[in-house]
Amino acid sequence: MTKAEKNQNTAKEQHAVSKEEWRDKLSAEQYHVTREHGTERAFSHPHHAEKRDGMYRCVCCGTALFSSDTKFDSGTGWPSFTDVASADTVAKHEDSSFGMRRVEVRCANCDAHLGHVFPDGPGPTGMRYCINGCALDLDTSDASGETSS
């Protein structure tokens, strides 16, 4: 077992949350997307056009996932990023649903479905992390540590 797999298993054990607890914490759309592997409608969430600086965090557990420094407008209607905040914050899984072969992206800490990653993004990575806006919270904390989401 790799270090990433061990960390992932430990994190899942630490964040064992019941369906009822997730339903209480999340909106119906957030629950559907993150816990049932759904997809929000394109252009339906304000994060796709968001321009403020900050860190995009998992809406379920608060893990830092994507920096606004890597965000770009892919024209798809979903927030898109060229890279993750840290290699160990997201887990990738093969997704063959709907007759397609894609790579699903999940939060490595709580296993929330975030979206998918495609090899058609701009430099420097060439990757496009296409993420559901409702799976993210934007943390715009300033140097004093205050947050204004």
C-alpha atoms as a PDB file:
ATOM      1  CA  MET A   1       0.000   0.000   0.000  1.00  0.00           C
ATOM      2  CA  THR A   2       1.384   3.427  -0.953  1.00  0.00           C
ATOM      3  CA  LYS A   3       1.715   6.320   1.480  1.00  0.00           C
ATOM      4  CA  ALA A   4      -1.123   8.157  -0.301  1.00  0.00           C
ATOM      5  CA  GLU A   5      -3.411   5.123   0.025  1.00  0.00           C
ATOM      6  CA  LYS A   6      -2.576   4.788   3.741  1.00  0.00           C
ATOM      7  CA  ASN A   7      -3.293   8.482   4.305  1.00  0.00           C
ATOM      8  CA  GLN A   8      -6.516   8.189   2.370  1.00  0.00           C
ATOM      9  CA  ASN A   9      -7.698   5.191   4.424  1.00  0.00           C
ATOM     10  CA  THR A  10      -6.794   6.945   7.680  1.00  0.00           C
ATOM     11  CA  ALA A  11      -8.597  10.110   6.606  1.00  0.00           C
ATOM     12  CA  LYS A  12     -11.719   8.165   5.633  1.00  0.00           C
ATOM     13  CA  GLU A  13     -11.755   6.475   9.025  1.00  0.00           C
ATOM     14  CA  GLN A  14     -11.340   9.826  10.789  1.00  0.00           C
ATOM     15  CA  HIS A  15     -14.129  11.407   8.765  1.00  0.00           C
ATOM     16  CA  ALA A  16     -16.702   8.626   8.925  1.00  0.00           C
ATOM     17  CA  VAL A  17     -19.847  10.699   8.633  1.00  0.00           C
ATOM     18  CA  SER A  18     -23.306   9.200   8.210  1.00  0.00           C
ATOM     19  CA  LYS A  19     -25.573  10.041   5.293  1.00  0.00           C
ATOM     20  CA  GLU A  20     -27.882  11.823   7.713  1.00  0.00           C
ATOM     21  CA  GLU A  21     -25.036  13.981   9.031  1.00  0.00           C
ATOM     22  CA  TRP A  22     -24.004  14.918   5.467  1.00  0.00           C
ATOM     23  CA  ARG A  23     -27.625  15.760   4.610  1.00  0.00           C
ATOM     24  CA  ASP A  24     -27.830  18.036   7.669  1.00  0.00           C
ATOM     25  CA  LYS A  25     -24.552  19.784   6.820  1.00  0.00           C
ATOM     26  CA  LEU A  26     -24.953  20.224   3.044  1.00  0.00           C
ATOM     27  CA  SER A  27     -27.569  21.716   0.739  1.00  0.00           C
ATOM     28  CA  ALA A  28     -29.512  19.235  -1.412  1.00  0.00           C
ATOM     29  CA  GLU A  29     -27.342  20.098  -4.442  1.00  0.00           C
ATOM     30  CA  GLN A  30     -24.075  19.867  -2.491  1.00  0.00           C
ATOM     31  CA  TYR A  31     -25.138  16.483  -1.126  1.00  0.00           C
ATOM     32  CA  HIS A  32     -26.099  15.190  -4.577  1.00  0.00           C
ATOM     33  CA  VAL A  33     -22.831  16.323  -6.149  1.00  0.00           C
ATOM     34  CA  THR A  34     -20.352  15.438  -3.408  1.00  0.00           C
ATOM     35  CA  ARG A  35     -21.893  12.331  -1.853  1.00  0.00           C
ATOM     36  CA  GLU A  36     -23.815  10.860  -4.838  1.00  0.00           C
ATOM     37  CA  HIS A  37     -21.276  11.783  -7.560  1.00  0.00           C
ATOM     38  CA  GLY A  38     -23.654  14.156  -9.309  1.00  0.00           C
ATOM     39  CA  THR A  39     -22.932  17.155 -11.526  1.00  0.00           C
ATOM     40  CA  GLU A  40     -24.314  20.661 -11.239  1.00  0.00           C
ATOM     41  CA  ARG A  41     -25.606  22.417 -14.366  1.00  0.00           C
ATOM     42  CA  ALA A  42     -22.960  24.323 -16.317  1.00  0.00           C
ATOM     43  CA  PHE A  43     -22.841  28.073 -15.554  1.00  0.00           C
ATOM     44  CA  SER A  44     -25.158  27.558 -12.549  1.00  0.00           C
ATOM     45  CA  HIS A  45     -22.661  28.318  -9.769  1.00  0.00           C
ATOM     46  CA  PRO A  46     -20.967  31.704  -9.215  1.00  0.00           C
ATOM     47  CA  HIS A  47     -17.547  30.087  -8.698  1.00  0.00           C
ATOM     48  CA  HIS A  48     -17.204  29.490 -12.451  1.00  0.00           C
ATOM     49  CA  ALA A  49     -16.805  33.282 -12.974  1.00  0.00           C
ATOM     50  CA  GLU A  50     -15.185  34.086  -9.611  1.00  0.00           C
ATOM     51  CA  LYS A  51     -12.126  36.376  -9.851  1.00  0.00           C
ATOM     52  CA  ARG A  52     -11.169  36.912  -6.187  1.00  0.00           C
ATOM     53  CA  ASP A  53      -7.901  35.549  -4.816  1.00  0.00           C
ATOM     54  CA  GLY A  54      -8.034  32.746  -2.306  1.00  0.00           C
ATOM     55  CA  MET A  55      -8.015  29.044  -1.652  1.00  0.00           C
ATOM     56  CA  TYR A  56     -10.834  26.805  -2.822  1.00  0.00           C
ATOM     57  CA  ARG A  57     -11.662  24.323  -0.078  1.00  0.00           C
ATOM     58  CA  CYS A  58     -13.780  21.185   0.064  1.00  0.00           C
ATOM     59  CA  VAL A  59     -17.324  22.165   1.037  1.00  0.00           C
ATOM     60  CA  CYS A  60     -17.598  18.982   3.107  1.00  0.00           C
ATOM     61  CA  CYS A  61     -14.433  19.011   5.217  1.00  0.00           C
ATOM     62  CA  GLY A  62     -12.574  22.271   4.501  1.00  0.00           C
ATOM     63  CA  THR A  63      -9.463  20.714   2.955  1.00  0.00           C
ATOM     64  CA  ALA A  64      -7.506  23.160   0.759  1.00  0.00           C
ATOM     65  CA  LEU A  65      -7.884  21.847  -2.795  1.00  0.00           C
ATOM     66  CA  PHE A  66      -7.187  24.515  -5.437  1.00  0.00           C
ATOM     67  CA  SER A  67      -5.522  27.934  -5.382  1.00  0.00           C
ATOM     68  CA  SER A  68      -7.072  30.805  -7.315  1.00  0.00           C
ATOM     69  CA  ASP A  69      -3.580  31.195  -8.859  1.00  0.00           C
ATOM     70  CA  THR A  70      -4.274  28.083 -10.963  1.00  0.00           C
ATOM     71  CA  LYS A  71      -7.868  28.973 -11.913  1.00  0.00           C
ATOM     72  CA  PHE A  72      -8.686  29.769 -15.539  1.00  0.00           C
ATOM     73  CA  ASP A  73     -11.756  30.270 -17.708  1.00  0.00           C
ATOM     74  CA  SER A  74     -12.169  27.063 -19.688  1.00  0.00           C
ATOM     75  CA  GLY A  75     -15.475  28.199 -21.186  1.00  0.00           C
ATOM     76  CA  THR A  76     -17.163  25.049 -19.870  1.00  0.00           C
ATOM     77  CA  GLY A  77     -19.256  26.711 -17.145  1.00  0.00           C
ATOM     78  CA  TRP A  78     -17.477  24.995 -14.260  1.00  0.00           C
ATOM     79  CA  PRO A  79     -14.549  26.306 -12.233  1.00  0.00           C
ATOM     80  CA  SER A  80     -11.372  25.027 -13.878  1.00  0.00           C
ATOM     81  CA  PHE A  81      -7.858  24.755 -12.491  1.00  0.00           C
ATOM     82  CA  THR A  82      -4.511  23.701 -13.939  1.00  0.00           C
ATOM     83  CA  ASP A  83      -3.269  22.055 -10.747  1.00  0.00           C
ATOM     84  CA  VAL A  84      -4.150  21.035  -7.201  1.00  0.00           C
ATOM     85  CA  ALA A  85      -3.023  22.910  -4.085  1.00  0.00           C
ATOM     86  CA  SER A  86      -1.058  19.872  -2.904  1.00  0.00           C
ATOM     87  CA  ALA A  87      -0.561  16.448  -4.462  1.00  0.00           C
ATOM     88  CA  ASP A  88      -2.035  14.650  -1.455  1.00  0.00           C
ATOM     89  CA  THR A  89      -5.295  16.621  -1.231  1.00  0.00           C
ATOM     90  CA  VAL A  90      -7.105  14.995  -4.148  1.00  0.00           C
ATOM     91  CA  ALA A  91      -7.530  11.381  -5.169  1.00  0.00           C
ATOM     92  CA  LYS A  92      -8.069  10.286  -8.758  1.00  0.00           C
ATOM     93  CA  HIS A  93     -10.309   7.385  -9.757  1.00  0.00           C
ATOM     94  CA  GLU A  94     -11.182   5.858 -13.104  1.00  0.00           C
ATOM     95  CA  ASP A  95     -14.755   6.728 -14.063  1.00  0.00           C
ATOM     96  CA  SER A  96     -16.402   4.757 -16.852  1.00  0.00           C
ATOM     97  CA  SER A  97     -19.947   5.985 -16.239  1.00  0.00           C
ATOM     98  CA  PHE A  98     -22.148   7.096 -19.129  1.00  0.00           C
ATOM     99  CA  GLY A  99     -20.023   5.101 -21.598  1.00  0.00           C
ATOM    100  CA  MET A 100     -17.049   7.449 -21.197  1.00  0.00           C
ATOM    101  CA  ARG A 101     -13.554   6.934 -19.791  1.00  0.00           C
ATOM    102  CA  ARG A 102     -12.715   9.824 -17.498  1.00  0.00           C
ATOM    103  CA  VAL A 103     -10.674  10.484 -14.391  1.00  0.00           C
ATOM    104  CA  GLU A 104     -12.823  11.445 -11.418  1.00  0.00           C
ATOM    105  CA  VAL A 105     -11.376  13.781  -8.777  1.00  0.00           C
ATOM    106  CA  ARG A 106     -12.343  13.356  -5.111  1.00  0.00           C
ATOM    107  CA  CYS A 107     -11.256  15.033  -1.896  1.00  0.00           C
ATOM    108  CA  ALA A 108      -8.594  12.741  -0.425  1.00  0.00           C
ATOM    109  CA  ASN A 109      -9.692  13.701   3.080  1.00  0.00           C
ATOM    110  CA  CYS A 110     -13.441  12.969   3.013  1.00  0.00           C
ATOM    111  CA  ASP A 111     -13.959  11.258  -0.384  1.00  0.00           C
ATOM    112  CA  ALA A 112     -16.279  13.994  -1.700  1.00  0.00           C
ATOM    113  CA  HIS A 113     -16.800  13.892  -5.459  1.00  0.00           C
ATOM    114  CA  LEU A 114     -15.412  17.130  -6.907  1.00  0.00           C
ATOM    115  CA  GLY A 115     -15.443  16.673 -10.682  1.00  0.00           C
ATOM    116  CA  HIS A 116     -13.051  15.343 -13.312  1.00  0.00           C
ATOM    117  CA  VAL A 117      -9.595  16.069 -14.702  1.00  0.00           C
ATOM    118  CA  PHE A 118      -8.777  16.190 -18.412  1.00  0.00           C
ATOM    119  CA  PRO A 119      -5.452  16.489 -20.283  1.00  0.00           C
ATOM    120  CA  ASP A 120      -6.597  19.482 -22.367  1.00  0.00           C
ATOM    121  CA  GLY A 121      -5.743  22.416 -20.108  1.00  0.00           C
ATOM    122  CA  PRO A 122      -3.256  25.245 -20.590  1.00  0.00           C
ATOM    123  CA  GLY A 123       0.353  25.297 -19.392  1.00  0.00           C
ATOM    124  CA  PRO A 124       2.266  24.670 -17.360  1.00  0.00           C
ATOM    125  CA  THR A 125       0.582  21.345 -16.484  1.00  0.00           C
ATOM    126  CA  GLY A 126      -1.660  20.877 -19.517  1.00  0.00           C
ATOM    127  CA  MET A 127      -4.373  19.642 -17.154  1.00  0.00           C
ATOM    128  CA  ARG A 128      -7.929  20.916 -16.678  1.00  0.00           C
ATOM    129  CA  TYR A 129      -9.471  20.111 -13.323  1.00  0.00           C
ATOM    130  CA  CYS A 130     -13.155  20.682 -14.100  1.00  0.00           C
ATOM    131  CA  ILE A 131     -14.764  21.037 -10.676  1.00  0.00           C
ATOM    132  CA  ASN A 132     -18.356  21.493  -9.518  1.00  0.00           C
ATOM    133  CA  GLY A 133     -18.650  24.926  -7.922  1.00  0.00           C
ATOM    134  CA  CYS A 134     -21.012  23.678  -5.228  1.00  0.00           C
ATOM    135  CA  ALA A 135     -18.306  21.251  -4.041  1.00  0.00           C
ATOM    136  CA  LEU A 136     -16.070  24.215  -3.169  1.00  0.00           C
ATOM    137  CA  ASP A 137     -15.911  27.047  -0.660  1.00  0.00           C
ATOM    138  CA  LEU A 138     -13.690  30.016  -1.508  1.00  0.00           C
ATOM    139  CA  ASP A 139     -11.545  31.079   1.435  1.00  0.00           C
ATOM    140  CA  THR A 140     -10.415  34.678   0.867  1.00  0.00           C
ATOM    141  CA  SER A 141      -8.649  35.001   4.218  1.00  0.00           C
ATOM    142  CA  ASP A 142      -6.355  37.976   4.517  1.00  0.00           C
ATOM    143  CA  ALA A 143      -3.103  38.196   6.462  1.00  0.00           C
ATOM    144  CA  SER A 144      -5.013  38.743   9.716  1.00  0.00           C
ATOM    145  CA  GLY A 145      -6.721  35.361   9.276  1.00  0.00           C
ATOM    146  CA  GLU A 146     -10.188  36.795   8.784  1.00  0.00           C
ATOM    147  CA  THR A 147     -12.382  35.083   6.236  1.00  0.00           C
ATOM    148  CA  SER A 148     -14.862  36.626   3.834  1.00  0.00           C
ATOM    149  CA  SER A 149     -16.396  33.912   1.645  1.00  0.00           C
END
